[in-house]
Amino acid sequence: MKINLPTGAENIIRTLEDHGHEAFVVGGCVRDCVLGLKPQDWDITTDAKPLEVKRLFTRTVDTGIKHGTVTVLLPDGAYEVTTFRIDGKYSDGRHPDSVTFTPSLEEDLKRRDFTINAMAYSDSRGFKDLFGGAEDLKAHVIRAVGDPEERFHEDALRMMRVVRFAARFGFEIEDDTLRAISELHELLSKVSYERIRDEFTKTLLTDNPDYIKLMRETGLTHVFMPEWDQMVIPQHTIHHIYNVEDHTMSVLRLTPKDRILRLSAFFHDIGKPVSRTTDKNGTDHFKHHPERGALITADVMRRLRFDRDTIKKCVNLVRWHDLRPDDSDEAVRKAVSEIGTGAFPDLFILKRADILSQSTYKRAEKLAEIDMFERRYNEIISRHDPLSIGDLEISGKDIMELGVNKGPVIGRILSGLLSMAIKDPSVNTHDKLLDLASAMIESGM
């Protein structure tokens, strides 16, 4: 097999070989080339020690020199060059306590996570596939290198990575590898929430976000998101055909690969298990599940160390995903004012995916309601109707000039004026708002 290497990788390998060393591109870049994909990064492995690598190249960065990695900076980009190594014991289940450099490519490859990531290549030495990675790619299988239990004891995050790679490529997880995850899932508690968050999010952003179910089925969510384990509950209602988890997986599949949208789709019904009631006819009800789901979403996302802006946007979408305003400009203005224009058009996308993942009962009517909502929203935005205090043709300074001292009363007056303008946008002129403010002040507000 021939791989077309980028100029920088080719130059690094040739330089190392000219000085008596072995060198190969390795890992994900080789995997992607076998699959016919364009690699994002090109990593190189060599028997040269880090200091030897540094001596051979003018511009380098000690990226992880303790573990054998030096970044070589070349005109066409940065390349990580890592010495063949054998990892020592993993006491913390995350990082090797020590590494030993080795002259053996085989020893280096056997410490890697999955067979599809344990292939190497150089123009002079050809394609090195010592653990059947190419065959697993052909069979669409993710398999641990060697004993999966050993690989997961070394780094428990690999259990999340298995699911992510399976989702990315639409592959199956080999039986022994999958069984080892189920048996060892509690090891994930040794991994930081930040690392878990990143693998979780990457999985959601694949072409197969519904593979996230594997995290629940193998026990992984029990470690970092036990709230999700309750989602496998039925929905005995004419509006649904799936249990809550499967409904959510359908919504994910129908949602574009956008970080905020996919996260919001994942969490949108997480409030249902704690909101479920069943009436005397056996029909389930989930009253106030958006509000309760918003609170749970905030708790989970904070636990996973998401940034504040992401949490705010997702919680807002979860909170309002089930909103159905009346067919009037006033009702839509009021809704948009409360939700915030920043939630659109994501809210419409989420709502449509939600409806399309339910039963066909009144589906056409439900979708028509969303169309109405979106149509009125666009008209309101194009007319620049007032939706926030900042849209009013009056300010706090104007209120103070009417004799009101600084303080919360100014905010209450402006909020009252906004309510009037949402009901009737024609009042949103400087003079009319001043008159209305004066009347409010005279009334003793």
Protein backbone atom coordinates (compact mmCIF):
# COMPACT_ATOMS: atom_id res chain seq x y z
CA MET A 1 0.00 0.00 0.00
CA LYS A 2 1.29 3.45 -0.94
CA ILE A 3 0.46 6.53 1.13
CA ASN A 4 1.10 10.02 -0.21
CA LEU A 5 2.87 11.78 2.63
CA PRO A 6 2.86 15.54 3.10
CA THR A 7 6.18 17.24 2.39
CA GLY A 8 6.98 17.82 6.06
CA ALA A 9 6.35 14.23 7.16
CA GLU A 10 8.37 12.93 4.21
CA ASN A 11 11.28 15.24 5.07
CA ILE A 12 11.28 14.25 8.74
CA ILE A 13 11.26 10.53 7.97
CA ARG A 14 13.99 10.90 5.33
CA THR A 15 16.18 12.96 7.68
CA LEU A 16 15.83 10.42 10.47
CA GLU A 17 16.56 7.54 8.09
CA ASP A 18 19.60 9.34 6.66
CA HIS A 19 20.99 9.39 10.20
CA GLY A 20 20.48 5.67 10.72
CA HIS A 21 17.03 5.66 12.34
CA GLU A 22 13.68 4.06 11.59
CA ALA A 23 10.71 6.39 11.27
CA PHE A 24 7.05 6.00 10.29
CA VAL A 25 3.84 7.95 10.17
CA VAL A 26 1.58 6.22 12.66
CA GLY A 27 -1.90 6.04 14.15
CA GLY A 28 -4.91 8.00 13.01
CA CYS A 29 -3.31 9.41 9.87
CA VAL A 30 -2.57 5.91 8.57
CA ARG A 31 -6.07 4.76 9.49
CA ASP A 32 -7.65 7.66 7.64
CA CYS A 33 -5.53 7.04 4.55
CA VAL A 34 -6.61 3.40 4.49
CA LEU A 35 -10.22 4.61 4.67
CA GLY A 36 -9.64 7.12 1.88
CA LEU A 37 -10.06 10.08 4.21
CA LYS A 38 -7.86 13.17 4.54
CA PRO A 39 -5.89 13.09 7.82
CA GLN A 40 -6.10 16.12 10.08
CA ASP A 41 -2.72 15.47 11.71
CA TRP A 42 0.36 13.46 10.81
CA ASP A 43 2.15 11.86 13.76
CA ILE A 44 5.54 10.23 13.42
CA THR A 45 7.14 7.49 15.49
CA THR A 46 10.85 6.69 15.47
CA ASP A 47 13.58 4.81 17.31
CA ALA A 48 15.51 8.09 17.64
CA LYS A 49 15.60 9.49 21.17
CA PRO A 50 14.05 12.92 21.78
CA LEU A 51 17.39 14.72 22.10
CA GLU A 52 18.53 13.13 18.84
CA VAL A 53 15.39 14.42 17.14
CA LYS A 54 16.05 17.90 18.53
CA ARG A 55 19.60 17.87 17.19
CA LEU A 56 18.43 17.02 13.66
CA PHE A 57 15.84 19.78 13.31
CA THR A 58 16.21 23.52 13.70
CA ARG A 59 12.83 24.42 15.19
CA THR A 60 11.36 22.10 17.80
CA VAL A 61 9.09 22.30 20.84
CA ASP A 62 9.38 20.00 23.86
CA THR A 63 5.72 19.01 23.71
CA GLY A 64 6.05 15.97 25.96
CA ILE A 65 9.73 15.20 26.01
CA LYS A 66 9.40 13.20 29.24
CA HIS A 67 7.22 10.74 27.31
CA GLY A 68 9.33 10.94 24.17
CA THR A 69 7.42 13.55 22.13
CA VAL A 70 9.03 16.47 20.33
CA THR A 71 7.11 18.73 17.95
CA VAL A 72 9.05 19.59 14.82
CA LEU A 73 8.07 22.87 13.19
CA LEU A 74 8.34 22.97 9.40
CA PRO A 75 7.01 25.37 6.74
CA ASP A 76 3.98 23.18 6.03
CA GLY A 77 3.02 22.65 9.65
CA ALA A 78 3.85 21.08 13.01
CA TYR A 79 4.58 17.36 13.37
CA GLU A 80 4.72 15.40 16.61
CA VAL A 81 7.65 12.99 16.61
CA THR A 82 7.59 10.37 19.36
CA THR A 83 10.20 7.79 20.26
CA PHE A 84 9.21 4.09 20.21
CA ARG A 85 8.27 3.37 23.81
CA ILE A 86 6.96 0.84 26.29
CA ASP A 87 4.60 2.25 28.91
CA GLY A 88 5.09 1.37 32.55
CA LYS A 89 2.36 0.74 35.09
CA TYR A 90 -0.75 2.97 35.01
CA SER A 91 -1.37 3.54 38.73
CA ASP A 92 -3.95 6.27 38.16
CA GLY A 93 -5.69 4.61 35.22
CA ARG A 94 -4.86 7.59 33.07
CA HIS A 95 -1.13 8.06 32.55
CA PRO A 96 1.86 5.69 32.63
CA ASP A 97 3.99 6.07 35.76
CA SER A 98 7.03 5.84 33.48
CA VAL A 99 7.99 5.11 29.89
CA THR A 100 10.91 3.13 28.54
CA PHE A 101 12.27 3.88 25.10
CA THR A 102 12.64 0.86 22.85
CA PRO A 103 14.17 0.18 19.43
CA SER A 104 11.16 -2.01 18.55
CA LEU A 105 8.28 -0.70 16.44
CA GLU A 106 6.24 -3.75 17.47
CA GLU A 107 6.61 -2.92 21.17
CA ASP A 108 5.49 0.62 20.45
CA LEU A 109 2.45 -0.42 18.44
CA LYS A 110 1.25 -3.03 20.92
CA ARG A 111 0.74 -0.36 23.62
CA ARG A 112 -1.73 1.57 21.43
CA ASP A 113 -5.46 1.51 22.02
CA PHE A 114 -7.19 -0.04 18.99
CA THR A 115 -5.98 -2.08 16.05
CA ILE A 116 -7.18 0.55 13.58
CA ASN A 117 -4.88 3.08 15.31
CA ALA A 118 -1.88 0.74 15.51
CA MET A 119 -0.70 0.83 11.89
CA ALA A 120 2.45 2.53 10.61
CA TYR A 121 3.92 3.44 7.23
CA SER A 122 7.05 4.78 5.55
CA ASP A 123 7.98 4.90 1.90
CA SER A 124 11.14 2.86 2.48
CA ARG A 125 9.75 0.21 4.86
CA GLY A 126 6.18 0.07 3.62
CA PHE A 127 2.93 -0.61 5.48
CA LYS A 128 3.21 -2.11 8.97
CA ASP A 129 0.03 -3.69 10.31
CA LEU A 130 0.99 -6.10 13.07
CA PHE A 131 -2.41 -6.43 14.76
CA GLY A 132 -4.89 -6.69 11.91
CA GLY A 133 -6.02 -3.08 11.79
CA ALA A 134 -6.62 -3.10 8.03
CA GLU A 135 -8.78 -6.21 8.31
CA ASP A 136 -10.79 -4.64 11.13
CA LEU A 137 -11.31 -1.53 9.02
CA LYS A 138 -12.53 -3.73 6.19
CA ALA A 139 -14.85 -5.60 8.59
CA HIS A 140 -16.03 -2.31 10.19
CA VAL A 141 -14.93 -3.39 13.66
CA ILE A 142 -13.30 -1.55 16.57
CA ARG A 143 -11.04 -3.93 18.50
CA ALA A 144 -8.59 -3.29 21.33
CA VAL A 145 -4.95 -4.14 20.69
CA GLY A 146 -4.23 -7.31 22.64
CA ASP A 147 -6.14 -7.74 25.90
CA PRO A 148 -8.90 -5.09 26.13
CA GLU A 149 -8.88 -5.24 29.92
CA GLU A 150 -5.21 -4.27 29.97
CA ARG A 151 -5.83 -1.42 27.54
CA PHE A 152 -8.69 -0.06 29.66
CA HIS A 153 -6.79 -0.43 32.92
CA GLU A 154 -4.02 1.64 31.32
CA ASP A 155 -6.36 4.46 30.35
CA ALA A 156 -10.03 4.22 31.26
CA LEU A 157 -10.95 7.00 28.84
CA ARG A 158 -10.34 4.47 26.07
CA MET A 159 -13.75 3.03 26.93
CA MET A 160 -15.32 6.33 25.85
CA ARG A 161 -13.06 6.48 22.80
CA VAL A 162 -14.27 3.06 21.64
CA VAL A 163 -17.80 4.39 21.42
CA ARG A 164 -16.66 7.60 19.77
CA PHE A 165 -14.72 5.77 17.04
CA ALA A 166 -17.59 3.34 16.49
CA ALA A 167 -19.95 6.31 16.09
CA ARG A 168 -17.58 8.21 13.84
CA PHE A 169 -17.20 5.38 11.36
CA GLY A 170 -20.48 3.53 11.91
CA PHE A 171 -18.55 0.44 13.05
CA GLU A 172 -19.39 -2.32 15.53
CA ILE A 173 -17.40 -2.90 18.70
CA GLU A 174 -15.75 -6.32 18.86
CA ASP A 175 -17.40 -8.62 21.44
CA ASP A 176 -14.49 -8.98 23.89
CA THR A 177 -13.80 -5.26 23.74
CA LEU A 178 -17.46 -4.43 24.40
CA ARG A 179 -17.66 -6.97 27.22
CA ALA A 180 -14.57 -5.47 28.87
CA ILE A 181 -16.19 -2.02 28.90
CA SER A 182 -19.25 -3.40 30.67
CA GLU A 183 -17.10 -5.14 33.25
CA LEU A 184 -14.69 -2.24 33.84
CA HIS A 185 -16.90 0.84 33.40
CA GLU A 186 -16.33 1.96 37.00
CA LEU A 187 -12.69 2.66 36.09
CA LEU A 188 -13.98 5.74 34.30
CA SER A 189 -14.34 7.42 37.70
CA LYS A 190 -10.57 7.91 37.65
CA VAL A 191 -10.84 10.14 34.59
CA SER A 192 -11.41 13.90 34.81
CA TYR A 193 -14.81 15.23 33.84
CA GLU A 194 -13.15 17.48 31.27
CA ARG A 195 -11.74 14.48 29.34
CA ILE A 196 -15.05 12.64 29.62
CA ARG A 197 -16.91 15.74 28.39
CA ASP A 198 -14.72 16.01 25.31
CA GLU A 199 -15.22 12.37 24.26
CA PHE A 200 -18.95 12.60 24.98
CA THR A 201 -19.30 15.74 22.87
CA LYS A 202 -17.22 14.34 20.00
CA THR A 203 -19.51 11.31 19.94
CA LEU A 204 -22.60 13.53 19.74
CA LEU A 205 -21.05 15.36 16.78
CA THR A 206 -20.55 12.26 14.64
CA ASP A 207 -22.81 10.97 11.87
CA ASN A 208 -24.12 8.37 14.34
CA PRO A 209 -24.91 10.27 17.56
CA ASP A 210 -27.34 7.55 18.62
CA TYR A 211 -24.31 5.35 19.41
CA ILE A 212 -24.35 7.29 22.67
CA LYS A 213 -26.79 4.58 23.81
CA LEU A 214 -23.77 2.26 24.08
CA MET A 215 -22.49 4.43 26.90
CA ARG A 216 -25.63 3.68 28.86
CA GLU A 217 -25.77 0.02 27.89
CA THR A 218 -22.18 -0.58 29.02
CA GLY A 219 -22.57 1.36 32.28
CA LEU A 220 -20.43 4.36 31.34
CA THR A 221 -23.17 6.94 31.87
CA HIS A 222 -23.72 5.51 35.35
CA VAL A 223 -20.30 6.96 36.20
CA PHE A 224 -20.57 10.47 34.77
CA MET A 225 -24.29 11.01 34.12
CA PRO A 226 -26.50 8.69 36.22
CA GLU A 227 -29.51 10.84 35.34
CA TRP A 228 -29.41 9.33 31.87
CA ASP A 229 -29.88 5.77 33.13
CA GLN A 230 -33.50 6.66 33.96
CA MET A 231 -34.31 7.57 30.34
CA VAL A 232 -35.29 4.04 29.32
CA ILE A 233 -38.89 4.55 30.36
CA PRO A 234 -41.95 4.08 28.14
CA GLN A 235 -44.19 6.87 26.95
CA HIS A 236 -47.70 5.48 27.04
CA THR A 237 -49.32 8.28 25.11
CA ILE A 238 -50.83 8.68 21.68
CA HIS A 239 -48.15 11.27 20.90
CA HIS A 240 -45.19 8.86 21.11
CA ILE A 241 -43.99 5.57 19.67
CA TYR A 242 -40.59 5.31 21.40
CA ASN A 243 -39.36 5.23 24.97
CA VAL A 244 -37.71 8.46 26.07
CA GLU A 245 -34.17 7.38 25.25
CA ASP A 246 -35.02 6.10 21.77
CA HIS A 247 -37.06 9.23 21.08
CA THR A 248 -34.02 11.29 22.05
CA MET A 249 -31.76 9.24 19.77
CA SER A 250 -34.14 9.94 16.88
CA VAL A 251 -34.07 13.67 17.64
CA LEU A 252 -30.26 13.56 17.62
CA ARG A 253 -30.20 11.86 14.23
CA LEU A 254 -32.50 14.57 12.81
CA THR A 255 -30.42 17.43 14.22
CA PRO A 256 -27.50 19.00 12.31
CA LYS A 257 -23.96 18.42 13.59
CA ASP A 258 -23.87 21.65 15.56
CA ARG A 259 -22.50 21.54 19.11
CA ILE A 260 -25.27 23.57 20.78
CA LEU A 261 -28.03 21.85 18.84
CA ARG A 262 -26.78 18.32 19.44
CA LEU A 263 -26.25 18.93 23.16
CA SER A 264 -29.70 20.52 23.45
CA ALA A 265 -31.27 17.64 21.54
CA PHE A 266 -29.57 15.17 23.86
CA PHE A 267 -30.84 16.90 27.00
CA HIS A 268 -34.22 18.16 25.76
CA ASP A 269 -36.31 15.45 27.49
CA ILE A 270 -34.03 14.63 30.41
CA GLY A 271 -36.71 16.02 32.73
CA LYS A 272 -39.27 13.39 31.71
CA PRO A 273 -38.31 10.56 34.10
CA VAL A 274 -38.79 12.80 37.15
CA SER A 275 -41.97 14.36 35.69
CA ARG A 276 -43.80 11.22 34.63
CA THR A 277 -47.22 10.44 36.02
CA THR A 278 -49.74 7.86 34.82
CA ASP A 279 -53.48 8.46 34.97
CA LYS A 280 -56.21 5.90 35.69
CA ASN A 281 -56.46 5.10 31.97
CA GLY A 282 -52.79 4.15 31.78
CA THR A 283 -51.80 7.26 29.87
CA ASP A 284 -48.48 8.87 30.79
CA HIS A 285 -48.12 12.61 31.34
CA PHE A 286 -44.90 14.64 31.61
CA LYS A 287 -46.07 18.01 32.93
CA HIS A 288 -43.39 20.66 33.42
CA HIS A 289 -40.68 18.38 32.04
CA PRO A 290 -39.01 21.24 30.10
CA GLU A 291 -38.59 23.32 33.27
CA ARG A 292 -37.33 20.37 35.31
CA GLY A 293 -35.16 19.27 32.40
CA ALA A 294 -33.53 22.69 32.23
CA LEU A 295 -32.50 22.40 35.87
CA ILE A 296 -31.09 18.89 35.38
CA THR A 297 -29.30 19.99 32.21
CA ALA A 298 -27.61 22.82 34.07
CA ASP A 299 -26.49 20.45 36.85
CA VAL A 300 -25.09 17.86 34.45
CA MET A 301 -23.34 20.36 32.22
CA ARG A 302 -21.73 22.09 35.18
CA ARG A 303 -20.54 18.69 36.43
CA LEU A 304 -18.95 18.05 33.04
CA ARG A 305 -17.26 21.45 33.15
CA PHE A 306 -18.96 22.96 30.12
CA ASP A 307 -18.38 26.70 29.71
CA ARG A 308 -21.04 29.12 30.92
CA ASP A 309 -22.13 30.30 27.49
CA THR A 310 -22.72 26.74 26.26
CA ILE A 311 -24.67 25.88 29.40
CA LYS A 312 -26.80 29.01 29.11
CA LYS A 313 -27.69 28.35 25.45
CA CYS A 314 -28.48 24.67 25.96
CA VAL A 315 -30.52 25.21 29.11
CA ASN A 316 -32.54 27.87 27.29
CA LEU A 317 -33.33 25.54 24.39
CA VAL A 318 -34.27 22.70 26.75
CA ARG A 319 -36.48 25.05 28.76
CA TRP A 320 -38.44 26.27 25.74
CA HIS A 321 -38.37 23.34 23.32
CA ASP A 322 -42.04 22.52 23.96
CA LEU A 323 -43.38 26.08 23.77
CA ARG A 324 -46.46 26.52 21.54
CA PRO A 325 -47.47 30.22 21.38
CA ASP A 326 -50.86 31.29 20.08
CA ASP A 327 -51.20 32.31 16.45
CA SER A 328 -50.81 36.03 17.04
CA ASP A 329 -48.00 38.54 16.73
CA GLU A 330 -48.43 39.56 20.35
CA ALA A 331 -48.08 35.99 21.63
CA VAL A 332 -45.01 35.37 19.49
CA ARG A 333 -43.44 38.71 20.49
CA LYS A 334 -43.98 37.81 24.13
CA ALA A 335 -42.45 34.36 23.61
CA VAL A 336 -39.41 35.68 21.74
CA SER A 337 -38.90 38.40 24.33
CA GLU A 338 -38.81 35.79 27.08
CA ILE A 339 -36.68 33.27 25.20
CA GLY A 340 -34.27 35.75 23.59
CA THR A 341 -33.55 36.11 19.89
CA GLY A 342 -30.25 34.27 20.31
CA ALA A 343 -32.13 30.96 20.64
CA PHE A 344 -33.42 31.20 17.07
CA PRO A 345 -33.37 29.53 14.56
CA ASP A 346 -31.99 26.65 16.67
CA LEU A 347 -35.27 26.39 18.55
CA PHE A 348 -37.22 25.79 15.34
CA ILE A 349 -34.75 23.10 14.24
CA LEU A 350 -35.01 21.35 17.61
CA LYS A 351 -38.81 21.57 17.68
CA ARG A 352 -39.15 20.04 14.20
CA ALA A 353 -36.77 17.20 15.05
CA ASP A 354 -38.77 16.60 18.22
CA ILE A 355 -42.09 16.38 16.35
CA LEU A 356 -40.67 14.14 13.63
CA SER A 357 -39.47 11.74 16.33
CA GLN A 358 -42.94 11.33 17.82
CA SER A 359 -45.92 9.38 16.51
CA THR A 360 -47.75 10.56 13.41
CA TYR A 361 -50.73 11.64 15.54
CA LYS A 362 -51.49 15.26 14.57
CA ARG A 363 -47.98 15.56 13.14
CA ALA A 364 -49.10 17.80 10.28
CA GLU A 365 -50.88 20.16 12.68
CA LYS A 366 -47.87 20.30 14.99
CA LEU A 367 -45.48 21.07 12.14
CA ALA A 368 -47.89 23.72 10.85
CA GLU A 369 -47.80 25.38 14.28
CA ILE A 370 -44.01 25.55 14.09
CA ASP A 371 -44.23 27.00 10.58
CA MET A 372 -46.61 29.66 11.89
CA PHE A 373 -44.30 30.42 14.81
CA GLU A 374 -41.30 30.76 12.51
CA ARG A 375 -43.18 32.86 9.96
CA ARG A 376 -44.40 35.32 12.58
CA TYR A 377 -40.94 35.38 14.17
CA ASN A 378 -39.33 36.35 10.86
CA GLU A 379 -41.93 39.04 10.24
CA ILE A 380 -41.43 40.47 13.73
CA ILE A 381 -37.65 40.53 13.30
CA SER A 382 -37.90 42.14 9.85
CA ARG A 383 -40.18 44.88 11.25
CA HIS A 384 -37.81 45.43 14.18
CA ASP A 385 -40.66 45.08 16.68
CA PRO A 386 -39.54 45.79 20.26
CA LEU A 387 -38.53 42.61 22.06
CA SER A 388 -36.18 43.81 24.78
CA ILE A 389 -35.61 46.92 26.89
CA GLY A 390 -32.75 47.79 24.59
CA ASP A 391 -35.23 48.02 21.70
CA LEU A 392 -37.27 50.75 23.41
CA GLU A 393 -37.06 54.32 22.12
CA ILE A 394 -36.46 55.48 25.66
CA SER A 395 -33.73 54.85 28.24
CA GLY A 396 -33.16 54.94 31.96
CA LYS A 397 -31.72 58.41 31.56
CA ASP A 398 -35.03 59.62 30.13
CA ILE A 399 -36.86 58.15 33.12
CA MET A 400 -34.49 59.92 35.52
CA GLU A 401 -35.20 63.23 33.77
CA LEU A 402 -38.84 62.71 34.78
CA GLY A 403 -37.72 62.98 38.40
CA VAL A 404 -37.06 59.32 39.26
CA ASN A 405 -33.93 58.62 41.25
CA LYS A 406 -31.55 55.82 40.35
CA GLY A 407 -32.71 52.47 41.59
CA PRO A 408 -34.84 49.41 40.83
CA VAL A 409 -37.91 51.51 40.09
CA ILE A 410 -36.34 52.56 36.78
CA GLY A 411 -36.03 48.92 35.78
CA ARG A 412 -39.64 48.27 36.75
CA ILE A 413 -40.83 51.21 34.65
CA LEU A 414 -38.82 50.08 31.63
CA SER A 415 -40.13 46.53 32.02
CA GLY A 416 -43.67 47.85 32.16
CA LEU A 417 -43.08 49.93 29.03
CA LEU A 418 -41.68 46.88 27.24
CA SER A 419 -44.81 44.90 28.10
CA MET A 420 -46.93 47.66 26.57
CA ALA A 421 -44.74 47.82 23.46
CA ILE A 422 -44.89 44.05 23.01
CA LYS A 423 -48.68 44.27 23.12
CA ASP A 424 -48.76 47.26 20.78
CA PRO A 425 -45.48 48.16 19.00
CA SER A 426 -46.94 51.46 17.82
CA VAL A 427 -46.37 52.91 21.30
CA ASN A 428 -42.61 52.48 20.84
CA THR A 429 -41.86 56.12 20.11
CA HIS A 430 -39.95 58.47 22.37
CA ASP A 431 -42.88 60.76 23.06
CA LYS A 432 -45.47 58.01 23.63
CA LEU A 433 -43.19 56.12 25.96
CA LEU A 434 -42.45 59.30 27.93
CA ASP A 435 -46.17 59.90 28.34
CA LEU A 436 -46.73 56.32 29.46
CA ALA A 437 -43.78 56.54 31.87
CA SER A 438 -45.12 59.79 33.34
CA ALA A 439 -48.50 58.14 33.88
CA MET A 440 -46.85 55.21 35.62
CA ILE A 441 -44.91 57.53 37.89
CA GLU A 442 -48.02 59.55 38.75
CA SER A 443 -49.85 56.34 39.61
CA GLY A 444 -47.23 55.73 42.29
CA MET A 445 -45.28 52.93 40.65
